[in-house]
Every structure is written in C-alpha cells, then in structure tokens.
Amino acid sequence: MSTPVTTVHDDNVDRGVAFLDEKLGRDVWLPRLNFATLDLGSCQRCVACQATGIGWYGSAIESLGITIEHMHREYNSAGSWTVAHGFGLQFGHRADWPGLTDAWRRRVTELRAEVST
C-alpha cells in the first residue's frame, strides 16, 4: 500500500473545500473544476474562478462574500485568508504555485472518487 502524499497545503485546501461547500455546494463547484486548465498561479484559471464561473480571481472571491479587505487581513500564522483557505500563497513562497495546484488536484480527485462510489 502506498503512503498518501501530503503537503503543507493540505490543511489549507481542506478549509477551501469546506468554504466552497458552504457557499456554493459541492454538487455545484466540484464538477466545474477542469484539471486541464487548473492553475492556482493564474488569476483566470484558479479554483475560485472555475468554481464560480467568474473569470477574474478578485471578482470570483467577492462573489463568495469575501471582501478584498478580508482577503488580505491576517487570518492566522499561516498568513492571509487566501493562504489559510488554499487560494493563495504567502509572500516569499510564490514559486510553489504548482505545489498548491497539485494539492487541489489531489483533494478534488479524492472528492470525485467519493461521489462516484
């Protein structure tokens, strides 16, 4: 049996999943995610944009009830609200967009497997 892959992003992604579940419902946002184009480093192809169907990150987050001020307020020691919910990275760690994108892909793959069983 292989050991599951975990990263520093997993807890943040789990909070992001719970947030999207609450705001949109898993049956709405989960099918919208497209792995071929998903890129957390892109303000047009991130989870928030794909989940909401809105083509710009700031507008997508605001449509979910999060203001720009709230997004940037310190949430915990991990950084801002966006970091704590797996939608962004701390300054100085921006090179890890592929790692954050992979964490979302793994979690979404797990969720889709749960739905199909």
N, C-alpha and C. Protein backbone atom coordinates (compact mmCIF):
# COMPACT_ATOMS: atom_id res chain seq x y z
N MET A 1 0.85 -1.18 0.00
CA MET A 1 0.00 0.00 0.00
C MET A 1 0.89 1.24 0.00
N SER A 2 0.57 2.18 -0.86
CA SER A 2 1.38 3.39 -0.94
C SER A 2 0.97 4.39 0.14
N THR A 3 1.91 5.19 0.55
CA THR A 3 1.65 6.22 1.54
C THR A 3 1.01 7.41 0.84
N PRO A 4 -0.07 7.96 1.40
CA PRO A 4 -0.69 9.12 0.76
C PRO A 4 0.27 10.31 0.74
N VAL A 5 0.21 11.08 -0.32
CA VAL A 5 1.03 12.27 -0.43
C VAL A 5 0.35 13.38 0.37
N THR A 6 1.10 14.04 1.22
CA THR A 6 0.57 15.19 1.94
C THR A 6 1.57 16.33 1.79
N THR A 7 1.07 17.53 1.83
CA THR A 7 1.92 18.70 1.70
C THR A 7 1.51 19.73 2.73
N VAL A 8 2.28 20.78 2.80
CA VAL A 8 1.96 21.88 3.70
C VAL A 8 0.64 22.55 3.29
N HIS A 9 0.18 22.30 2.09
CA HIS A 9 -1.04 22.94 1.59
C HIS A 9 -2.32 22.19 1.95
N ASP A 10 -2.22 20.96 2.37
CA ASP A 10 -3.40 20.11 2.51
C ASP A 10 -4.44 20.67 3.48
N ASP A 11 -4.03 21.14 4.65
CA ASP A 11 -4.99 21.69 5.61
C ASP A 11 -5.66 22.94 5.04
N ASN A 12 -4.88 23.76 4.34
CA ASN A 12 -5.45 24.96 3.73
C ASN A 12 -6.47 24.60 2.65
N VAL A 13 -6.13 23.63 1.83
CA VAL A 13 -7.05 23.18 0.77
C VAL A 13 -8.32 22.62 1.41
N ASP A 14 -8.20 21.88 2.49
CA ASP A 14 -9.39 21.35 3.17
C ASP A 14 -10.30 22.47 3.65
N ARG A 15 -9.71 23.57 4.17
CA ARG A 15 -10.53 24.72 4.57
C ARG A 15 -11.18 25.36 3.35
N GLY A 16 -10.46 25.41 2.22
CA GLY A 16 -11.04 25.94 0.99
C GLY A 16 -12.19 25.09 0.49
N VAL A 17 -12.05 23.78 0.58
CA VAL A 17 -13.13 22.86 0.18
C VAL A 17 -14.36 23.11 1.05
N ALA A 18 -14.16 23.20 2.36
CA ALA A 18 -15.28 23.43 3.27
C ALA A 18 -15.96 24.77 2.97
N PHE A 19 -15.16 25.79 2.65
CA PHE A 19 -15.71 27.10 2.31
C PHE A 19 -16.55 27.03 1.04
N LEU A 20 -16.02 26.39 0.00
CA LEU A 20 -16.78 26.27 -1.25
C LEU A 20 -18.03 25.43 -1.05
N ASP A 21 -17.93 24.37 -0.25
CA ASP A 21 -19.12 23.56 0.06
C ASP A 21 -20.21 24.42 0.69
N GLU A 22 -19.82 25.27 1.64
CA GLU A 22 -20.78 26.12 2.34
C GLU A 22 -21.38 27.17 1.41
N LYS A 23 -20.55 27.80 0.60
CA LYS A 23 -21.01 28.91 -0.23
C LYS A 23 -21.74 28.48 -1.50
N LEU A 24 -21.26 27.41 -2.14
CA LEU A 24 -21.82 27.01 -3.44
C LEU A 24 -22.49 25.65 -3.43
N GLY A 25 -22.04 24.78 -2.54
CA GLY A 25 -22.49 23.40 -2.56
C GLY A 25 -21.55 22.57 -3.41
N ARG A 26 -21.13 21.44 -2.88
CA ARG A 26 -20.18 20.59 -3.60
C ARG A 26 -20.71 20.15 -4.95
N ASP A 27 -22.01 19.91 -5.05
CA ASP A 27 -22.58 19.47 -6.31
C ASP A 27 -22.49 20.55 -7.39
N VAL A 28 -22.28 21.80 -6.99
CA VAL A 28 -22.15 22.90 -7.95
C VAL A 28 -20.69 23.11 -8.34
N TRP A 29 -19.83 23.29 -7.35
CA TRP A 29 -18.46 23.69 -7.68
C TRP A 29 -17.57 22.54 -8.14
N LEU A 30 -17.74 21.36 -7.58
CA LEU A 30 -16.83 20.26 -7.89
C LEU A 30 -16.81 19.89 -9.37
N PRO A 31 -17.97 19.76 -10.02
CA PRO A 31 -17.94 19.41 -11.45
C PRO A 31 -17.35 20.51 -12.35
N ARG A 32 -17.31 21.73 -11.86
CA ARG A 32 -16.81 22.84 -12.67
C ARG A 32 -15.29 22.85 -12.82
N LEU A 33 -14.57 22.18 -11.92
CA LEU A 33 -13.11 22.25 -11.96
C LEU A 33 -12.57 21.43 -13.12
N ASN A 34 -11.72 22.05 -13.91
CA ASN A 34 -11.14 21.44 -15.10
C ASN A 34 -9.64 21.28 -14.88
N PHE A 35 -9.19 20.04 -14.68
CA PHE A 35 -7.78 19.78 -14.41
C PHE A 35 -6.87 20.21 -15.55
N ALA A 36 -7.36 20.20 -16.77
CA ALA A 36 -6.53 20.57 -17.92
C ALA A 36 -6.11 22.03 -17.85
N THR A 37 -6.95 22.87 -17.26
CA THR A 37 -6.64 24.31 -17.21
C THR A 37 -6.39 24.83 -15.80
N LEU A 38 -6.64 24.03 -14.77
CA LEU A 38 -6.49 24.48 -13.39
C LEU A 38 -5.06 24.94 -13.12
N ASP A 39 -4.95 26.16 -12.62
CA ASP A 39 -3.64 26.74 -12.30
C ASP A 39 -3.85 27.79 -11.21
N LEU A 40 -3.45 27.46 -9.99
CA LEU A 40 -3.64 28.38 -8.88
C LEU A 40 -2.81 29.64 -9.02
N GLY A 41 -1.80 29.62 -9.85
CA GLY A 41 -0.98 30.81 -10.09
C GLY A 41 -1.59 31.76 -11.09
N SER A 42 -2.73 31.42 -11.65
CA SER A 42 -3.40 32.25 -12.65
C SER A 42 -4.65 32.89 -12.06
N CYS A 43 -4.80 34.18 -12.28
CA CYS A 43 -5.99 34.87 -11.80
C CYS A 43 -7.22 34.59 -12.65
N GLN A 44 -7.08 33.79 -13.71
CA GLN A 44 -8.21 33.43 -14.56
C GLN A 44 -8.50 31.93 -14.55
N ARG A 45 -7.57 31.10 -14.09
CA ARG A 45 -7.77 29.64 -14.14
C ARG A 45 -7.66 28.98 -12.77
N CYS A 46 -7.81 29.78 -11.72
CA CYS A 46 -7.69 29.27 -10.35
C CYS A 46 -8.97 28.56 -9.92
N VAL A 47 -8.93 27.97 -8.75
CA VAL A 47 -10.09 27.27 -8.20
C VAL A 47 -11.28 28.21 -8.05
N ALA A 48 -11.05 29.40 -7.52
CA ALA A 48 -12.16 30.33 -7.29
C ALA A 48 -12.86 30.68 -8.60
N CYS A 49 -12.10 30.95 -9.65
CA CYS A 49 -12.70 31.30 -10.94
C CYS A 49 -13.47 30.12 -11.53
N GLN A 50 -12.85 28.96 -11.50
CA GLN A 50 -13.53 27.80 -12.08
C GLN A 50 -14.77 27.42 -11.26
N ALA A 51 -14.67 27.48 -9.94
CA ALA A 51 -15.79 27.09 -9.09
C ALA A 51 -17.00 28.01 -9.24
N THR A 52 -16.73 29.30 -9.43
CA THR A 52 -17.82 30.27 -9.55
C THR A 52 -18.25 30.53 -10.99
N GLY A 53 -17.36 30.25 -11.94
CA GLY A 53 -17.64 30.58 -13.33
C GLY A 53 -17.35 32.03 -13.65
N ILE A 54 -16.68 32.73 -12.73
CA ILE A 54 -16.32 34.14 -12.93
C ILE A 54 -14.86 34.21 -13.32
N GLY A 55 -14.53 34.92 -14.36
CA GLY A 55 -13.21 34.86 -14.96
C GLY A 55 -12.10 35.68 -14.35
N TRP A 56 -12.29 36.28 -13.20
CA TRP A 56 -11.21 37.02 -12.55
C TRP A 56 -11.23 36.72 -11.07
N TYR A 57 -10.05 36.41 -10.51
CA TYR A 57 -9.92 35.95 -9.13
C TYR A 57 -10.61 36.88 -8.11
N GLY A 58 -10.28 38.15 -8.13
CA GLY A 58 -10.86 39.08 -7.15
C GLY A 58 -12.38 39.10 -7.21
N SER A 59 -12.92 39.13 -8.41
CA SER A 59 -14.38 39.13 -8.59
C SER A 59 -14.99 37.81 -8.14
N ALA A 60 -14.30 36.72 -8.42
CA ALA A 60 -14.80 35.40 -8.00
C ALA A 60 -14.86 35.30 -6.49
N ILE A 61 -13.80 35.73 -5.80
CA ILE A 61 -13.77 35.68 -4.34
C ILE A 61 -14.84 36.60 -3.76
N GLU A 62 -14.97 37.80 -4.31
CA GLU A 62 -16.00 38.72 -3.81
C GLU A 62 -17.40 38.16 -4.01
N SER A 63 -17.62 37.41 -5.10
CA SER A 63 -18.95 36.82 -5.33
C SER A 63 -19.29 35.79 -4.25
N LEU A 64 -18.25 35.28 -3.57
CA LEU A 64 -18.45 34.31 -2.49
C LEU A 64 -18.59 34.99 -1.13
N GLY A 65 -18.62 36.33 -1.14
CA GLY A 65 -18.85 37.07 0.09
C GLY A 65 -17.60 37.48 0.84
N ILE A 66 -16.45 37.36 0.21
CA ILE A 66 -15.19 37.75 0.85
C ILE A 66 -14.72 39.05 0.23
N THR A 67 -14.57 40.09 1.04
CA THR A 67 -14.11 41.38 0.54
C THR A 67 -12.60 41.37 0.36
N ILE A 68 -12.13 42.31 -0.43
CA ILE A 68 -10.69 42.46 -0.63
C ILE A 68 -10.00 42.70 0.71
N GLU A 69 -10.60 43.52 1.57
CA GLU A 69 -10.01 43.79 2.88
C GLU A 69 -9.90 42.50 3.69
N HIS A 70 -10.94 41.68 3.66
CA HIS A 70 -10.93 40.42 4.39
C HIS A 70 -9.89 39.46 3.82
N MET A 71 -9.76 39.45 2.50
CA MET A 71 -8.79 38.55 1.86
C MET A 71 -7.38 38.82 2.36
N HIS A 72 -7.05 40.07 2.60
CA HIS A 72 -5.69 40.42 2.93
C HIS A 72 -5.43 40.55 4.43
N ARG A 73 -6.49 40.52 5.23
CA ARG A 73 -6.32 40.60 6.68
C ARG A 73 -5.61 39.33 7.17
N GLU A 74 -4.76 39.48 8.13
CA GLU A 74 -4.08 38.32 8.68
C GLU A 74 -5.09 37.39 9.32
N TYR A 75 -5.10 36.14 8.90
CA TYR A 75 -6.07 35.15 9.39
C TYR A 75 -5.46 34.31 10.50
N ASN A 76 -4.25 33.85 10.33
CA ASN A 76 -3.54 33.09 11.35
C ASN A 76 -2.05 33.13 11.04
N SER A 77 -1.26 32.35 11.71
CA SER A 77 0.18 32.40 11.49
C SER A 77 0.57 31.96 10.09
N ALA A 78 -0.33 31.28 9.39
CA ALA A 78 -0.05 30.85 8.02
C ALA A 78 -0.20 31.99 7.02
N GLY A 79 -0.71 33.13 7.45
CA GLY A 79 -0.84 34.26 6.54
C GLY A 79 -2.27 34.72 6.39
N SER A 80 -2.59 35.24 5.25
CA SER A 80 -3.89 35.83 4.99
C SER A 80 -5.00 34.79 4.82
N TRP A 81 -6.21 35.26 4.69
CA TRP A 81 -7.37 34.39 4.48
C TRP A 81 -7.16 33.53 3.24
N THR A 82 -6.64 34.11 2.18
CA THR A 82 -6.44 33.36 0.94
C THR A 82 -5.46 32.20 1.14
N VAL A 83 -4.41 32.42 1.91
CA VAL A 83 -3.44 31.36 2.20
C VAL A 83 -4.11 30.29 3.06
N ALA A 84 -4.81 30.71 4.10
CA ALA A 84 -5.42 29.78 5.04
C ALA A 84 -6.50 28.91 4.41
N HIS A 85 -7.02 29.31 3.25
CA HIS A 85 -8.06 28.55 2.56
C HIS A 85 -7.59 27.94 1.24
N GLY A 86 -6.27 27.94 1.02
CA GLY A 86 -5.72 27.28 -0.16
C GLY A 86 -5.95 27.99 -1.47
N PHE A 87 -6.27 29.28 -1.42
CA PHE A 87 -6.48 30.05 -2.64
C PHE A 87 -5.27 30.90 -3.00
N GLY A 88 -4.29 30.98 -2.10
CA GLY A 88 -3.12 31.80 -2.35
C GLY A 88 -1.92 31.30 -1.58
N LEU A 89 -0.79 31.96 -1.79
CA LEU A 89 0.47 31.62 -1.12
C LEU A 89 1.02 32.83 -0.39
N GLN A 90 1.79 32.57 0.66
CA GLN A 90 2.46 33.64 1.38
C GLN A 90 3.52 34.27 0.50
N PHE A 91 3.76 35.56 0.71
CA PHE A 91 4.86 36.22 0.02
C PHE A 91 6.14 35.48 0.39
N GLY A 92 7.01 35.31 -0.56
CA GLY A 92 8.24 34.57 -0.35
C GLY A 92 8.12 33.10 -0.71
N HIS A 93 6.90 32.64 -0.93
CA HIS A 93 6.67 31.23 -1.29
C HIS A 93 5.96 31.13 -2.64
N ARG A 94 5.99 32.19 -3.42
CA ARG A 94 5.24 32.26 -4.68
C ARG A 94 5.68 31.24 -5.71
N ALA A 95 6.86 30.67 -5.55
CA ALA A 95 7.33 29.67 -6.51
C ALA A 95 6.60 28.34 -6.37
N ASP A 96 5.78 28.20 -5.32
CA ASP A 96 5.11 26.92 -5.08
C ASP A 96 3.68 26.87 -5.62
N TRP A 97 3.34 27.69 -6.61
CA TRP A 97 2.02 27.59 -7.22
C TRP A 97 1.75 26.18 -7.75
N PRO A 98 2.72 25.52 -8.39
CA PRO A 98 2.46 24.15 -8.86
C PRO A 98 2.13 23.20 -7.69
N GLY A 99 2.79 23.38 -6.55
CA GLY A 99 2.50 22.53 -5.39
C GLY A 99 1.10 22.75 -4.86
N LEU A 100 0.65 24.00 -4.83
CA LEU A 100 -0.71 24.30 -4.37
C LEU A 100 -1.73 23.75 -5.36
N THR A 101 -1.46 23.92 -6.65
CA THR A 101 -2.35 23.37 -7.67
C THR A 101 -2.44 21.85 -7.54
N ASP A 102 -1.32 21.19 -7.32
CA ASP A 102 -1.32 19.73 -7.15
C ASP A 102 -2.10 19.31 -5.91
N ALA A 103 -2.01 20.08 -4.83
CA ALA A 103 -2.76 19.76 -3.61
C ALA A 103 -4.27 19.82 -3.89
N TRP A 104 -4.71 20.83 -4.65
CA TRP A 104 -6.12 20.91 -5.03
C TRP A 104 -6.50 19.74 -5.93
N ARG A 105 -5.66 19.39 -6.87
CA ARG A 105 -5.96 18.27 -7.78
C ARG A 105 -6.13 16.97 -6.99
N ARG A 106 -5.22 16.72 -6.03
CA ARG A 106 -5.33 15.50 -5.22
C ARG A 106 -6.63 15.47 -4.44
N ARG A 107 -6.96 16.60 -3.81
CA ARG A 107 -8.17 16.63 -2.98
C ARG A 107 -9.42 16.48 -3.84
N VAL A 108 -9.46 17.15 -4.97
CA VAL A 108 -10.61 17.06 -5.86
C VAL A 108 -10.74 15.64 -6.42
N THR A 109 -9.63 15.00 -6.73
CA THR A 109 -9.66 13.61 -7.18
C THR A 109 -10.29 12.72 -6.11
N GLU A 110 -9.91 12.94 -4.85
CA GLU A 110 -10.50 12.17 -3.74
C GLU A 110 -12.00 12.43 -3.63
N LEU A 111 -12.40 13.69 -3.73
CA LEU A 111 -13.82 14.03 -3.62
C LEU A 111 -14.62 13.43 -4.77
N ARG A 112 -14.08 13.48 -5.96
CA ARG A 112 -14.79 12.90 -7.11
C ARG A 112 -14.90 11.39 -6.97
N ALA A 113 -13.90 10.75 -6.40
CA ALA A 113 -13.95 9.30 -6.17
C ALA A 113 -15.05 8.97 -5.16
N GLU A 114 -15.20 9.81 -4.13
CA GLU A 114 -16.26 9.60 -3.14
C GLU A 114 -17.64 9.70 -3.78
N VAL A 115 -17.80 10.65 -4.68
CA VAL A 115 -19.09 10.87 -5.35
C VAL A 115 -19.43 9.71 -6.25
N SER A 116 -18.43 9.14 -6.92
CA SER A 116 -18.71 8.08 -7.89
C SER A 116 -18.89 6.70 -7.26
N THR A 117 -18.66 6.58 -5.94
CA THR A 117 -18.84 5.26 -5.31
C THR A 117 -20.20 5.13 -4.68
